[in-house]
N, C-alpha and C. Protein backbone atom coordinates (compact mmCIF):
# COMPACT_ATOMS: atom_id res chain seq x y z
N MET A 1 -4.36 -10.40 -11.49
CA MET A 1 -4.26 -8.45 -11.21
C MET A 1 -4.19 -8.51 -9.77
N ALA A 2 -3.34 -7.90 -9.36
CA ALA A 2 -3.28 -6.88 -8.16
C ALA A 2 -2.64 -5.65 -8.28
N GLU A 3 -3.63 -4.75 -7.58
CA GLU A 3 -2.87 -3.41 -8.33
C GLU A 3 -3.19 -2.44 -6.68
N ILE A 4 -2.90 -1.29 -6.34
CA ILE A 4 -2.99 -0.33 -5.52
C ILE A 4 -3.42 0.82 -5.70
N GLN A 5 -4.89 1.15 -5.37
CA GLN A 5 -5.45 2.82 -5.63
C GLN A 5 -5.28 3.21 -4.48
N PHE A 6 -5.15 4.87 -4.48
CA PHE A 6 -5.53 5.93 -3.13
C PHE A 6 -7.04 6.60 -3.83
N SER A 7 -7.68 6.72 -4.87
CA SER A 7 -8.73 6.88 -5.52
C SER A 7 -9.51 5.83 -6.02
N ARG A 8 -10.72 5.69 -5.79
CA ARG A 8 -11.12 4.22 -6.36
C ARG A 8 -11.28 4.32 -7.99
N GLY A 9 -10.62 3.39 -8.51
CA GLY A 9 -10.37 3.36 -9.92
C GLY A 9 -9.09 3.86 -10.94
N ILE A 10 -8.31 4.42 -10.16
CA ILE A 10 -7.08 5.32 -10.13
C ILE A 10 -5.59 4.32 -9.82
N ASN A 11 -5.44 3.70 -10.50
CA ASN A 11 -4.34 2.56 -10.30
C ASN A 11 -2.94 3.35 -9.98
N GLU A 12 -2.22 3.15 -8.93
CA GLU A 12 -0.80 4.14 -8.67
C GLU A 12 0.06 3.28 -9.26
N GLU A 13 0.78 3.99 -9.93
CA GLU A 13 2.21 3.45 -11.05
C GLU A 13 3.37 3.55 -10.49
N VAL A 14 3.28 4.33 -8.99
CA VAL A 14 4.59 4.07 -8.50
C VAL A 14 4.80 2.89 -7.58
N ILE A 15 6.12 2.26 -7.32
CA ILE A 15 5.96 1.14 -6.79
C ILE A 15 6.62 1.08 -5.45
N PRO A 16 5.76 0.73 -4.35
CA PRO A 16 6.07 1.20 -3.16
C PRO A 16 7.49 0.63 -2.59
N ASP A 17 8.04 0.99 -1.57
CA ASP A 17 8.71 0.46 -0.36
C ASP A 17 7.94 -0.34 0.63
N VAL A 18 8.00 -1.84 1.04
CA VAL A 18 6.86 -1.93 1.92
C VAL A 18 8.06 -2.57 3.00
N ARG A 19 7.39 -2.36 3.99
CA ARG A 19 8.54 -3.19 5.15
C ARG A 19 7.07 -3.41 6.42
N LEU A 20 7.77 -4.88 6.72
CA LEU A 20 6.75 -5.86 7.46
C LEU A 20 7.34 -5.91 8.51
N THR A 21 6.42 -5.85 9.85
CA THR A 21 6.72 -6.35 11.18
C THR A 21 5.78 -7.23 11.79
N ARG A 22 5.86 -7.96 12.54
CA ARG A 22 5.02 -9.17 12.87
C ARG A 22 5.20 -9.57 14.35
N SER A 23 4.53 -9.67 14.82
CA SER A 23 4.29 -9.90 16.86
C SER A 23 5.23 -11.51 16.75
N ARG A 24 5.54 -11.77 17.64
CA ARG A 24 6.12 -12.99 17.71
C ARG A 24 5.13 -14.02 18.19
N SER A 25 4.23 -13.37 18.46
CA SER A 25 2.68 -14.41 18.55
C SER A 25 2.22 -15.22 16.98
N GLY A 26 2.78 -14.05 15.95
CA GLY A 26 1.90 -14.02 14.99
C GLY A 26 0.58 -13.55 14.63
N ASN A 27 0.34 -13.12 15.83
CA ASN A 27 -1.37 -12.58 16.00
C ASN A 27 -1.66 -11.47 15.18
N ASN A 28 -0.65 -10.64 15.02
CA ASN A 28 -0.60 -9.11 14.43
C ASN A 28 0.37 -9.42 13.77
N GLY A 29 0.19 -7.92 12.92
CA GLY A 29 1.47 -7.57 12.28
C GLY A 29 0.84 -5.79 11.43
N THR A 30 2.31 -5.23 11.25
CA THR A 30 1.87 -3.83 10.52
C THR A 30 2.24 -3.99 8.72
N ALA A 31 2.33 -3.35 7.74
CA ALA A 31 2.93 -3.20 6.76
C ALA A 31 3.01 -1.63 6.26
N THR A 32 4.05 -0.94 6.33
CA THR A 32 4.35 0.13 6.15
C THR A 32 4.55 0.05 4.80
N PHE A 33 3.91 1.28 3.76
CA PHE A 33 4.26 1.20 2.41
C PHE A 33 4.38 2.94 2.52
N TYR A 34 5.54 3.12 1.54
CA TYR A 34 6.21 4.25 1.45
C TYR A 34 6.07 4.32 0.06
N PHE A 35 5.40 5.67 -0.43
CA PHE A 35 5.44 5.70 -2.27
C PHE A 35 6.11 7.15 -1.86
N GLN A 36 7.28 7.16 -3.13
CA GLN A 36 8.13 8.47 -3.23
C GLN A 36 7.63 8.97 -4.81
N ASN A 37 7.12 10.41 -4.73
CA ASN A 37 6.71 10.78 -5.98
C ASN A 37 5.50 10.40 -6.19
N PRO A 38 4.41 10.10 -5.59
CA PRO A 38 3.19 9.25 -6.52
C PRO A 38 2.65 9.46 -7.18
N LYS A 39 2.11 9.34 -8.57
CA LYS A 39 0.91 9.73 -9.45
C LYS A 39 -0.13 10.61 -8.68
N ALA A 40 -0.71 9.82 -7.36
CA ALA A 40 -1.93 10.28 -6.41
C ALA A 40 -1.62 11.58 -6.24
N LEU A 41 -0.28 12.17 -5.81
CA LEU A 41 -0.07 13.65 -5.54
C LEU A 41 0.30 14.52 -6.95
N SER A 42 0.31 13.91 -8.04
CA SER A 42 1.04 14.67 -9.12
C SER A 42 0.44 16.11 -9.34
N GLU A 43 0.52 16.97 -10.09
CA GLU A 43 0.30 18.09 -10.17
C GLU A 43 -1.13 17.81 -11.33
N ASN A 44 -1.50 16.99 -12.33
CA ASN A 44 -2.04 16.52 -12.82
C ASN A 44 -3.39 15.89 -12.26
N SER A 45 -2.98 15.02 -11.02
CA SER A 45 -4.08 14.50 -10.41
C SER A 45 -5.14 15.61 -10.02
N THR A 46 -6.53 15.12 -10.29
CA THR A 46 -7.53 15.64 -9.58
C THR A 46 -8.53 15.04 -8.69
N GLU A 47 -8.13 14.11 -8.66
CA GLU A 47 -9.14 13.36 -7.24
C GLU A 47 -8.50 12.75 -5.87
N ASP A 48 -9.29 13.21 -5.05
CA ASP A 48 -8.98 13.07 -3.51
C ASP A 48 -8.49 11.66 -2.97
N ILE A 49 -7.73 11.82 -2.13
CA ILE A 49 -6.95 10.13 -1.85
C ILE A 49 -7.91 10.00 -0.61
N THR A 50 -8.67 8.85 -0.46
CA THR A 50 -9.50 8.59 0.30
C THR A 50 -9.11 7.18 1.23
N GLY A 51 -8.35 6.71 0.72
CA GLY A 51 -7.82 5.60 1.62
C GLY A 51 -6.29 4.74 0.78
N MET A 52 -6.04 3.90 1.36
CA MET A 52 -5.23 2.79 0.10
C MET A 52 -5.72 1.73 0.04
N TYR A 53 -6.23 1.11 -1.07
CA TYR A 53 -7.42 -0.14 -1.43
C TYR A 53 -6.41 -1.08 -2.55
N LEU A 54 -5.88 -1.91 -2.10
CA LEU A 54 -5.28 -3.28 -2.16
C LEU A 54 -6.23 -4.03 -3.02
N ILE A 55 -6.23 -4.25 -4.21
CA ILE A 55 -6.76 -4.77 -4.95
C ILE A 55 -6.86 -6.35 -5.69
N ASP A 56 -7.27 -7.36 -5.56
CA ASP A 56 -6.90 -8.15 -6.21
C ASP A 56 -8.27 -9.35 -6.68
N GLU A 57 -7.94 -10.04 -7.02
CA GLU A 57 -9.14 -11.13 -7.58
C GLU A 57 -9.76 -11.69 -6.29
N GLU A 58 -9.33 -11.68 -4.93
CA GLU A 58 -9.79 -12.26 -4.05
C GLU A 58 -10.53 -11.10 -3.22
N GLY A 59 -11.01 -9.41 -3.68
CA GLY A 59 -11.42 -8.74 -3.02
C GLY A 59 -10.33 -7.66 -2.82
N GLU A 60 -10.50 -6.99 -2.03
CA GLU A 60 -10.30 -5.39 -1.82
C GLU A 60 -9.84 -5.28 -0.03
N LEU A 61 -8.76 -4.56 0.31
CA LEU A 61 -8.09 -4.57 1.64
C LEU A 61 -7.74 -3.12 1.45
N ILE A 62 -8.20 -2.87 2.32
CA ILE A 62 -8.52 -1.30 3.02
C ILE A 62 -7.79 -0.62 3.91
N THR A 63 -6.95 0.53 3.97
CA THR A 63 -6.55 1.02 5.30
C THR A 63 -6.88 3.18 4.85
N ARG A 64 -7.52 3.55 5.76
CA ARG A 64 -7.60 4.60 5.67
C ARG A 64 -6.29 5.56 6.27
N GLU A 65 -5.10 5.12 6.68
CA GLU A 65 -4.06 5.43 7.79
C GLU A 65 -3.18 5.83 6.70
N VAL A 66 -3.21 7.05 5.63
CA VAL A 66 -2.50 7.37 4.70
C VAL A 66 -1.80 8.63 5.26
N LYS A 67 -0.71 9.18 5.05
CA LYS A 67 -0.14 10.55 5.46
C LYS A 67 0.74 10.99 3.91
N ALA A 68 0.32 12.21 3.86
CA ALA A 68 1.18 13.11 2.89
C ALA A 68 2.48 13.56 3.64
N LYS A 69 3.65 13.24 2.56
CA LYS A 69 4.88 14.14 3.14
C LYS A 69 5.24 15.54 2.25
N PHE A 70 5.32 16.24 3.08
CA PHE A 70 5.53 17.56 2.09
C PHE A 70 7.07 18.24 2.48
N ILE A 71 7.86 18.80 1.29
CA ILE A 71 8.96 19.17 1.53
C ILE A 71 8.82 20.60 0.35
N ASN A 72 9.34 21.93 1.61
CA ASN A 72 9.27 22.73 0.80
C ASN A 72 7.64 23.13 0.51
N GLY A 73 6.60 22.73 1.03
CA GLY A 73 5.65 23.05 0.24
C GLY A 73 4.83 22.24 -0.47
N ARG A 74 5.61 21.40 -1.30
CA ARG A 74 5.49 20.43 -2.01
C ARG A 74 5.41 19.27 -1.89
N PRO A 75 4.08 18.49 -2.34
CA PRO A 75 3.84 16.90 -2.07
C PRO A 75 4.90 16.18 -2.63
N ASP A 76 5.41 15.06 -1.82
CA ASP A 76 6.98 14.57 -1.90
C ASP A 76 6.78 13.05 -2.16
N ALA A 77 5.64 12.47 -0.89
CA ALA A 77 5.67 11.19 -0.73
C ALA A 77 4.31 10.87 0.27
N LEU A 78 4.36 9.81 0.01
CA LEU A 78 2.81 9.10 0.26
C LEU A 78 3.33 7.93 1.28
N GLU A 79 2.70 7.59 2.66
CA GLU A 79 3.21 6.56 3.51
C GLU A 79 1.50 6.45 3.96
N ALA A 80 1.76 5.24 3.84
CA ALA A 80 0.31 4.39 4.27
C ALA A 80 0.43 3.11 5.23
N LEU A 81 -0.18 3.17 5.90
CA LEU A 81 0.18 2.33 7.67
C LEU A 81 -1.17 1.14 7.20
N TYR A 82 -0.74 -0.18 6.73
CA TYR A 82 -2.24 -1.49 6.98
C TYR A 82 -1.50 -2.65 8.04
N ILE A 83 -2.64 -2.49 9.20
CA ILE A 83 -2.74 -3.42 10.25
C ILE A 83 -3.42 -4.42 10.10
N MET A 84 -2.90 -5.72 10.64
CA MET A 84 -3.27 -6.61 10.52
C MET A 84 -3.76 -7.17 12.17
N LYS A 85 -4.71 -7.80 12.06
CA LYS A 85 -4.71 -8.13 13.84
C LYS A 85 -5.64 -9.70 14.26
N SER A 86 -4.90 -10.43 12.70
CA SER A 86 -5.12 -11.93 13.18
C SER A 86 -4.64 -12.61 12.02
N GLU A 87 -3.96 -13.81 12.40
CA GLU A 87 -2.97 -14.90 11.48
C GLU A 87 -3.89 -14.76 10.02
N GLN A 88 -5.21 -14.72 10.31
CA GLN A 88 -6.09 -14.72 8.59
C GLN A 88 -5.96 -13.54 8.21
N GLU A 89 -5.53 -12.31 9.06
CA GLU A 89 -5.21 -11.12 8.25
C GLU A 89 -4.06 -10.93 7.44
N TRP A 90 -3.12 -11.87 8.20
CA TRP A 90 -1.88 -11.90 7.53
C TRP A 90 -1.52 -12.34 6.89
N ASP A 91 -2.09 -13.47 6.55
CA ASP A 91 -2.21 -14.84 5.22
C ASP A 91 -2.96 -13.91 3.96
N ARG A 92 -4.10 -13.57 4.41
CA ARG A 92 -4.42 -12.57 3.07
C ARG A 92 -3.62 -11.55 2.59
N PHE A 93 -3.15 -10.76 3.65
CA PHE A 93 -2.69 -9.59 2.90
C PHE A 93 -1.04 -10.37 2.19
N MET A 94 -0.83 -11.31 3.00
CA MET A 94 0.80 -11.72 1.89
C MET A 94 0.37 -12.45 0.56
N ARG A 95 -1.04 -13.13 0.48
CA ARG A 95 -1.55 -13.23 -0.82
C ARG A 95 -1.36 -12.55 -1.82
N PHE A 96 -2.11 -11.15 -1.32
CA PHE A 96 -2.29 -9.68 -2.01
C PHE A 96 -0.60 -9.89 -2.49
N MET A 97 0.31 -9.49 -1.94
CA MET A 97 1.73 -9.32 -2.00
C MET A 97 2.02 -9.60 -2.92
N GLN A 98 1.80 -11.31 -2.93
CA GLN A 98 2.74 -12.20 -3.74
C GLN A 98 2.15 -11.95 -4.92
N ARG A 99 0.81 -11.76 -5.06
CA ARG A 99 0.25 -10.99 -6.40
C ARG A 99 1.03 -10.20 -6.92
N TYR A 100 0.84 -9.14 -6.16
CA TYR A 100 1.44 -7.84 -6.57
C TYR A 100 3.04 -8.13 -6.82
N ALA A 101 3.79 -8.80 -6.36
CA ALA A 101 5.02 -8.51 -6.60
C ALA A 101 5.52 -9.53 -7.78
N GLU A 102 4.17 -10.48 -8.06
CA GLU A 102 4.71 -11.31 -9.34
C GLU A 102 4.35 -10.30 -10.20
N GLU A 103 3.41 -9.44 -10.62
CA GLU A 103 2.82 -8.86 -11.34
C GLU A 103 3.77 -7.73 -11.56
N HIS A 104 4.74 -7.15 -10.22
CA HIS A 104 5.68 -5.90 -10.84
C HIS A 104 7.01 -5.88 -10.73
N ASP A 105 7.51 -7.77 -10.82
CA ASP A 105 8.85 -7.92 -10.60
C ASP A 105 9.55 -7.34 -9.11
N LEU A 106 8.87 -7.65 -8.52
CA LEU A 106 9.55 -7.30 -7.32
C LEU A 106 10.49 -8.69 -6.35
N GLY A 107 10.52 -8.06 -5.36
CA GLY A 107 11.83 -9.30 -4.91
C GLY A 107 11.45 -9.43 -3.20
N LEU A 108 11.78 -9.85 -2.18
CA LEU A 108 11.54 -9.85 -1.04
C LEU A 108 13.09 -9.92 -0.20
N SER A 109 13.26 -8.86 0.45
CA SER A 109 14.79 -8.65 0.81
C SER A 109 14.62 -8.98 2.42
N GLN A 110 15.86 -9.71 3.56
CA GLN A 110 15.01 -9.43 5.08
C GLN A 110 16.47 -8.51 5.40
């Protein structure tokens, strides 16, 4: 089980584009998630976006760095930034992404 949520208890169905950067020392890194037309912004959604929650069997990773993109006044996309400040946080994030990728048939490109 590996899911992404913007409101607790409601899984996001849209698969994000994820871009990773890591410092040369490996001590910190950043993951940028981009969701085009996510369920969380649909007209049917009544829940508030309270952050991005990455949930798996180890627990959850949380970021509050979530921004909505609008085109002509209509919600179009969500962009979330997850910052890792240690090698342990990087490793934990990568374990989540491995599980998420396996469940959603995703691959890695460099």
